Amino acid sequence: MEHIAALLFVVGCSSSMTDCRELQVPVSVFETEQACTAERPFALGDLQGQAPRIIGKCLAVDPAREDDYDQIVWNVKPDGTLVASLEVSGMLVASNRERPEKDYVRQQ
């Protein structure tokens, strides 16, 4: 079985960054963080036109918990910074975020 080391998470936002939604990418899971980082600019380019502002981030996946993740909690700051984390049943597992003003939660 192949392990997942990173997840590419992409959102599209309005010009004012006040209305954001998750965008689907053709390939969202990667065996290495480096592969995710390398693919990110191409994925963002492919999504141009779906929203005025498109932001993506590679989230590290703990291979020991890859089947446990059930939520992505995310926020886009007014300056356009995407902060996101993977969570397991409400428990924070991996994060690159500070305390956001508003969270968006996607449950799988």
C-alpha atoms as a PDB file:
ATOM      1  CA  MET A   1       0.000   0.000   0.000  1.00  0.00           C
ATOM      2  CA  GLU A   2       1.255   3.448  -0.914  1.00  0.00           C
ATOM      3  CA  HIS A   3       1.534   5.990   1.902  1.00  0.00           C
ATOM      4  CA  ILE A   4       0.448   9.604   1.704  1.00  0.00           C
ATOM      5  CA  ALA A   5       2.914  12.198   2.998  1.00  0.00           C
ATOM      6  CA  ALA A   6       1.165  15.378   1.844  1.00  0.00           C
ATOM      7  CA  LEU A   7      -2.222  16.692   0.789  1.00  0.00           C
ATOM      8  CA  LEU A   8      -2.631  19.615  -1.622  1.00  0.00           C
ATOM      9  CA  PHE A   9      -5.444  21.821  -0.350  1.00  0.00           C
ATOM     10  CA  VAL A  10      -6.669  24.664  -2.584  1.00  0.00           C
ATOM     11  CA  VAL A  11      -9.254  27.390  -2.056  1.00  0.00           C
ATOM     12  CA  GLY A  12     -10.656  30.052  -4.336  1.00  0.00           C
ATOM     13  CA  CYS A  13     -11.624  33.439  -2.917  1.00  0.00           C
ATOM     14  CA  SER A  14     -13.319  36.642  -3.949  1.00  0.00           C
ATOM     15  CA  SER A  15     -11.115  39.658  -4.690  1.00  0.00           C
ATOM     16  CA  SER A  16     -11.753  40.973  -1.181  1.00  0.00           C
ATOM     17  CA  MET A  17     -10.804  37.595   0.370  1.00  0.00           C
ATOM     18  CA  THR A  18     -14.101  37.572   2.316  1.00  0.00           C
ATOM     19  CA  ASP A  19     -15.796  34.695   0.474  1.00  0.00           C
ATOM     20  CA  CYS A  20     -13.734  31.534  -0.005  1.00  0.00           C
ATOM     21  CA  ARG A  21     -14.501  27.945  -0.981  1.00  0.00           C
ATOM     22  CA  GLU A  22     -12.538  24.762  -1.469  1.00  0.00           C
ATOM     23  CA  LEU A  23     -11.545  23.930  -5.049  1.00  0.00           C
ATOM     24  CA  GLN A  24     -10.995  20.398  -6.311  1.00  0.00           C
ATOM     25  CA  VAL A  25      -7.664  19.518  -7.895  1.00  0.00           C
ATOM     26  CA  PRO A  26      -7.085  16.479 -10.144  1.00  0.00           C
ATOM     27  CA  VAL A  27      -4.332  15.111  -7.876  1.00  0.00           C
ATOM     28  CA  SER A  28      -4.516  16.038  -4.196  1.00  0.00           C
ATOM     29  CA  VAL A  29      -2.417  13.383  -2.417  1.00  0.00           C
ATOM     30  CA  PHE A  30       1.323  12.838  -2.731  1.00  0.00           C
ATOM     31  CA  GLU A  31       3.915  10.356  -1.491  1.00  0.00           C
ATOM     32  CA  THR A  32       6.314  13.167  -0.528  1.00  0.00           C
ATOM     33  CA  GLU A  33       5.960  16.782   0.537  1.00  0.00           C
ATOM     34  CA  GLN A  34       8.451  17.691  -2.205  1.00  0.00           C
ATOM     35  CA  ALA A  35       6.168  16.180  -4.868  1.00  0.00           C
ATOM     36  CA  CYS A  36       3.241  18.184  -3.502  1.00  0.00           C
ATOM     37  CA  THR A  37       5.273  21.395  -3.447  1.00  0.00           C
ATOM     38  CA  ALA A  38       6.448  20.782  -7.029  1.00  0.00           C
ATOM     39  CA  GLU A  39       2.886  20.179  -8.285  1.00  0.00           C
ATOM     40  CA  ARG A  40       1.319  23.122  -6.442  1.00  0.00           C
ATOM     41  CA  PRO A  41       2.053  25.897  -9.002  1.00  0.00           C
ATOM     42  CA  PHE A  42       0.747  23.739 -11.864  1.00  0.00           C
ATOM     43  CA  ALA A  43      -2.443  22.873  -9.974  1.00  0.00           C
ATOM     44  CA  LEU A  44      -3.036  26.538  -9.124  1.00  0.00           C
ATOM     45  CA  GLY A  45      -2.457  27.475 -12.770  1.00  0.00           C
ATOM     46  CA  ASP A  46      -4.980  24.866 -13.934  1.00  0.00           C
ATOM     47  CA  LEU A  47      -7.616  26.415 -11.648  1.00  0.00           C
ATOM     48  CA  GLN A  48      -7.204  29.991 -12.913  1.00  0.00           C
ATOM     49  CA  GLY A  49     -10.565  31.483 -13.783  1.00  0.00           C
ATOM     50  CA  GLN A  50     -12.479  29.516 -11.143  1.00  0.00           C
ATOM     51  CA  ALA A  51     -12.083  32.368  -8.630  1.00  0.00           C
ATOM     52  CA  PRO A  52     -10.451  35.808  -8.566  1.00  0.00           C
ATOM     53  CA  ARG A  53      -7.861  34.637  -6.002  1.00  0.00           C
ATOM     54  CA  ILE A  54      -6.612  31.035  -5.739  1.00  0.00           C
ATOM     55  CA  ILE A  55      -4.437  29.859  -2.863  1.00  0.00           C
ATOM     56  CA  GLY A  56      -3.005  26.419  -2.174  1.00  0.00           C
ATOM     57  CA  LYS A  57      -0.988  24.778   0.569  1.00  0.00           C
ATOM     58  CA  CYS A  58       0.606  21.376   1.040  1.00  0.00           C
ATOM     59  CA  LEU A  59      -0.374  19.846   4.373  1.00  0.00           C
ATOM     60  CA  ALA A  60       1.870  17.216   5.924  1.00  0.00           C
ATOM     61  CA  VAL A  61       0.187  13.869   6.581  1.00  0.00           C
ATOM     62  CA  ASP A  62       1.332  11.559   9.361  1.00  0.00           C
ATOM     63  CA  PRO A  63       1.438   8.140   7.596  1.00  0.00           C
ATOM     64  CA  ALA A  64       0.532   6.408  10.855  1.00  0.00           C
ATOM     65  CA  ARG A  65      -2.731   8.379  10.965  1.00  0.00           C
ATOM     66  CA  GLU A  66      -3.573   8.854   7.274  1.00  0.00           C
ATOM     67  CA  ASP A  67      -6.765   6.780   7.547  1.00  0.00           C
ATOM     68  CA  ASP A  68      -7.892   8.654  10.677  1.00  0.00           C
ATOM     69  CA  TYR A  69      -8.106  12.183   9.285  1.00  0.00           C
ATOM     70  CA  ASP A  70     -11.700  13.280   8.899  1.00  0.00           C
ATOM     71  CA  GLN A  71     -11.540  17.086   8.743  1.00  0.00           C
ATOM     72  CA  ILE A  72      -9.613  19.919   7.192  1.00  0.00           C
ATOM     73  CA  VAL A  73     -10.032  23.116   9.193  1.00  0.00           C
ATOM     74  CA  TRP A  74      -8.993  26.210   7.296  1.00  0.00           C
ATOM     75  CA  ASN A  75      -9.077  29.970   7.202  1.00  0.00           C
ATOM     76  CA  VAL A  76      -7.890  32.663   4.813  1.00  0.00           C
ATOM     77  CA  LYS A  77      -6.568  35.791   6.484  1.00  0.00           C
ATOM     78  CA  PRO A  78      -7.298  39.227   4.980  1.00  0.00           C
ATOM     79  CA  ASP A  79      -3.711  39.362   3.696  1.00  0.00           C
ATOM     80  CA  GLY A  80      -4.344  36.217   1.608  1.00  0.00           C
ATOM     81  CA  THR A  81      -2.515  33.752   3.851  1.00  0.00           C
ATOM     82  CA  LEU A  82      -4.118  30.304   3.876  1.00  0.00           C
ATOM     83  CA  VAL A  83      -3.886  28.547   7.226  1.00  0.00           C
ATOM     84  CA  ALA A  84      -5.082  24.954   7.388  1.00  0.00           C
ATOM     85  CA  SER A  85      -4.847  21.844   9.508  1.00  0.00           C
ATOM     86  CA  LEU A  86      -5.774  18.184   9.336  1.00  0.00           C
ATOM     87  CA  GLU A  87      -7.814  16.927  12.256  1.00  0.00           C
ATOM     88  CA  VAL A  88      -8.940  13.576  13.615  1.00  0.00           C
ATOM     89  CA  SER A  89     -12.385  13.650  15.244  1.00  0.00           C
ATOM     90  CA  GLY A  90     -11.913  17.167  16.521  1.00  0.00           C
ATOM     91  CA  MET A  91      -8.323  16.593  17.718  1.00  0.00           C
ATOM     92  CA  LEU A  92      -5.692  18.794  16.083  1.00  0.00           C
ATOM     93  CA  VAL A  93      -3.100  16.593  14.356  1.00  0.00           C
ATOM     94  CA  ALA A  94      -1.045  18.794  12.016  1.00  0.00           C
ATOM     95  CA  SER A  95      -1.232  22.519  11.669  1.00  0.00           C
ATOM     96  CA  ASN A  96       0.459  25.545  10.233  1.00  0.00           C
ATOM     97  CA  ARG A  97      -2.042  27.959  11.656  1.00  0.00           C
ATOM     98  CA  GLU A  98      -2.392  30.629  14.255  1.00  0.00           C
ATOM     99  CA  ARG A  99      -5.752  31.166  15.926  1.00  0.00           C
ATOM    100  CA  PRO A 100      -8.011  32.215  13.021  1.00  0.00           C
ATOM    101  CA  GLU A 101     -10.802  34.747  13.087  1.00  0.00           C
ATOM    102  CA  LYS A 102     -13.119  32.381  11.209  1.00  0.00           C
ATOM    103  CA  ASP A 103     -12.735  28.675  10.455  1.00  0.00           C
ATOM    104  CA  TYR A 104     -14.111  26.718   7.546  1.00  0.00           C
ATOM    105  CA  VAL A 105     -14.407  22.993   8.165  1.00  0.00           C
ATOM    106  CA  ARG A 106     -14.548  20.313   5.504  1.00  0.00           C
ATOM    107  CA  GLN A 107     -15.465  16.868   6.723  1.00  0.00           C
ATOM    108  CA  GLN A 108     -14.576  13.883   4.588  1.00  0.00           C
END
